[in-house]
Amino acid sequence: MNGDHVGIAGYFHLAAFGVLIPLLAVKTSRKLLTIAYQPRQKQFIAIILQLLFFAVFSIWVALTEYFRAQFPDDLLSDRLALSGNGCAFSI
């Protein structure tokens, strides 16, 4: 596939992240005004699982669509990637 083609997975990703998730966020924000909050640990676990799902879904779409980020090779060194992952997982 060439870089100008967007396949079905790409359109599904655009629909999910561009339309569905914002609509659900607005609907949920209205609902949150009327209900009691969940315990913090349960809420944090739910948010982490949701973010992991979004990351896996985005990576799957990138692999399906043969997407390759256009970064210079020297920008993403192994040391930089390892330190970035270390910072992300330490939080």
C-alpha atoms as a PDB file:
ATOM      1  CA  MET A   1       0.000   0.000   0.000  1.00  0.00           C
ATOM      2  CA  ASN A   2       1.185   3.503  -0.628  1.00  0.00           C
ATOM      3  CA  GLY A   3       1.213   6.181   2.040  1.00  0.00           C
ATOM      4  CA  ASP A   4      -1.826   8.041   0.636  1.00  0.00           C
ATOM      5  CA  HIS A   5      -4.281   5.184   1.067  1.00  0.00           C
ATOM      6  CA  VAL A   6      -6.477   4.892   4.145  1.00  0.00           C
ATOM      7  CA  GLY A   7      -8.050   1.487   4.612  1.00  0.00           C
ATOM      8  CA  ILE A   8     -11.068   0.333   6.537  1.00  0.00           C
ATOM      9  CA  ALA A   9      -9.132   0.122   9.817  1.00  0.00           C
ATOM     10  CA  GLY A  10      -8.033   3.744   9.397  1.00  0.00           C
ATOM     11  CA  TYR A  11     -11.568   4.957   8.793  1.00  0.00           C
ATOM     12  CA  PHE A  12     -12.788   2.927  11.767  1.00  0.00           C
ATOM     13  CA  HIS A  13     -10.081   4.534  13.913  1.00  0.00           C
ATOM     14  CA  LEU A  14     -11.081   8.016  12.735  1.00  0.00           C
ATOM     15  CA  ALA A  15     -14.744   7.302  13.442  1.00  0.00           C
ATOM     16  CA  ALA A  16     -14.022   5.900  16.899  1.00  0.00           C
ATOM     17  CA  PHE A  17     -11.588   8.595  18.058  1.00  0.00           C
ATOM     18  CA  GLY A  18     -13.144  11.484  16.143  1.00  0.00           C
ATOM     19  CA  VAL A  19     -16.857  10.873  16.709  1.00  0.00           C
ATOM     20  CA  LEU A  20     -17.739   8.013  19.041  1.00  0.00           C
ATOM     21  CA  ILE A  21     -15.380   8.719  21.952  1.00  0.00           C
ATOM     22  CA  PRO A  22     -16.156  12.484  22.087  1.00  0.00           C
ATOM     23  CA  LEU A  23     -19.895  11.741  22.037  1.00  0.00           C
ATOM     24  CA  LEU A  24     -19.515   9.209  24.830  1.00  0.00           C
ATOM     25  CA  ALA A  25     -17.396  11.676  26.813  1.00  0.00           C
ATOM     26  CA  VAL A  26     -20.109  14.345  26.618  1.00  0.00           C
ATOM     27  CA  LYS A  27     -22.805  11.825  27.540  1.00  0.00           C
ATOM     28  CA  THR A  28     -20.760  10.497  30.459  1.00  0.00           C
ATOM     29  CA  SER A  29     -19.902  13.974  31.730  1.00  0.00           C
ATOM     30  CA  ARG A  30     -23.589  14.799  31.972  1.00  0.00           C
ATOM     31  CA  LYS A  31     -24.231  11.548  33.817  1.00  0.00           C
ATOM     32  CA  LEU A  32     -21.356  12.199  36.250  1.00  0.00           C
ATOM     33  CA  LEU A  33     -23.080  15.348  37.488  1.00  0.00           C
ATOM     34  CA  THR A  34     -25.935  13.264  38.896  1.00  0.00           C
ATOM     35  CA  ILE A  35     -24.201  10.179  40.338  1.00  0.00           C
ATOM     36  CA  ALA A  36     -21.825   9.542  43.224  1.00  0.00           C
ATOM     37  CA  TYR A  37     -18.172   8.942  42.424  1.00  0.00           C
ATOM     38  CA  GLN A  38     -16.625   5.481  42.426  1.00  0.00           C
ATOM     39  CA  PRO A  39     -13.809   4.642  44.830  1.00  0.00           C
ATOM     40  CA  ARG A  40     -10.518   6.100  43.554  1.00  0.00           C
ATOM     41  CA  GLN A  41      -8.711   2.799  43.056  1.00  0.00           C
ATOM     42  CA  LYS A  42     -11.563   1.367  40.996  1.00  0.00           C
ATOM     43  CA  GLN A  43     -11.708   4.555  38.926  1.00  0.00           C
ATOM     44  CA  PHE A  44      -7.943   4.592  38.303  1.00  0.00           C
ATOM     45  CA  ILE A  45      -7.933   0.937  37.246  1.00  0.00           C
ATOM     46  CA  ALA A  46     -10.826   1.564  34.863  1.00  0.00           C
ATOM     47  CA  ILE A  47      -9.031   4.544  33.306  1.00  0.00           C
ATOM     48  CA  ILE A  48      -5.754   2.624  32.946  1.00  0.00           C
ATOM     49  CA  LEU A  49      -7.543  -0.269  31.229  1.00  0.00           C
ATOM     50  CA  GLN A  50      -9.340   2.167  28.946  1.00  0.00           C
ATOM     51  CA  LEU A  51      -6.077   3.873  27.963  1.00  0.00           C
ATOM     52  CA  LEU A  52      -4.412   0.506  27.358  1.00  0.00           C
ATOM     53  CA  PHE A  53      -7.302  -0.462  25.080  1.00  0.00           C
ATOM     54  CA  PHE A  54      -6.946   2.802  23.158  1.00  0.00           C
ATOM     55  CA  ALA A  55      -3.186   2.247  22.783  1.00  0.00           C
ATOM     56  CA  VAL A  56      -3.590  -1.346  21.582  1.00  0.00           C
ATOM     57  CA  PHE A  57      -6.320  -0.286  19.163  1.00  0.00           C
ATOM     58  CA  SER A  58      -4.174   2.525  17.748  1.00  0.00           C
ATOM     59  CA  ILE A  59      -1.140   0.254  17.397  1.00  0.00           C
ATOM     60  CA  TRP A  60      -3.278  -2.363  15.646  1.00  0.00           C
ATOM     61  CA  VAL A  61      -4.545   0.255  13.192  1.00  0.00           C
ATOM     62  CA  ALA A  62      -1.005   1.519  12.566  1.00  0.00           C
ATOM     63  CA  LEU A  63       0.206  -2.004  11.827  1.00  0.00           C
ATOM     64  CA  THR A  64      -2.829  -2.807   9.675  1.00  0.00           C
ATOM     65  CA  GLU A  65      -2.446   0.387   7.669  1.00  0.00           C
ATOM     66  CA  TYR A  66       1.348  -0.030   7.383  1.00  0.00           C
ATOM     67  CA  PHE A  67       1.814   3.338   9.046  1.00  0.00           C
ATOM     68  CA  ARG A  68       5.375   4.394   9.711  1.00  0.00           C
ATOM     69  CA  ALA A  69       6.041   7.607  11.578  1.00  0.00           C
ATOM     70  CA  GLN A  70       8.225   9.932   9.554  1.00  0.00           C
ATOM     71  CA  PHE A  71      10.954  10.675  12.091  1.00  0.00           C
ATOM     72  CA  PRO A  72      14.641  10.997  11.324  1.00  0.00           C
ATOM     73  CA  ASP A  73      16.457   7.800  12.266  1.00  0.00           C
ATOM     74  CA  ASP A  74      18.880   9.571  14.591  1.00  0.00           C
ATOM     75  CA  LEU A  75      16.001  11.167  16.542  1.00  0.00           C
ATOM     76  CA  LEU A  76      14.720   7.895  17.947  1.00  0.00           C
ATOM     77  CA  SER A  77      17.787   6.247  19.383  1.00  0.00           C
ATOM     78  CA  ASP A  78      17.549   3.178  21.603  1.00  0.00           C
ATOM     79  CA  ARG A  79      18.693   5.172  24.630  1.00  0.00           C
ATOM     80  CA  LEU A  80      16.003   7.811  24.074  1.00  0.00           C
ATOM     81  CA  ALA A  81      13.278   5.198  23.639  1.00  0.00           C
ATOM     82  CA  LEU A  82      14.409   3.336  26.753  1.00  0.00           C
ATOM     83  CA  SER A  83      14.493   6.494  28.875  1.00  0.00           C
ATOM     84  CA  GLY A  84      11.058   7.537  27.604  1.00  0.00           C
ATOM     85  CA  ASN A  85       9.582   4.161  28.474  1.00  0.00           C
ATOM     86  CA  GLY A  86      11.256   4.277  31.863  1.00  0.00           C
ATOM     87  CA  CYS A  87       9.728   7.669  32.598  1.00  0.00           C
ATOM     88  CA  ALA A  88       6.296   6.530  31.423  1.00  0.00           C
ATOM     89  CA  PHE A  89       6.285   3.407  33.560  1.00  0.00           C
ATOM     90  CA  SER A  90       7.698   5.150  36.639  1.00  0.00           C
ATOM     91  CA  ILE A  91       4.672   7.427  36.825  1.00  0.00           C
END
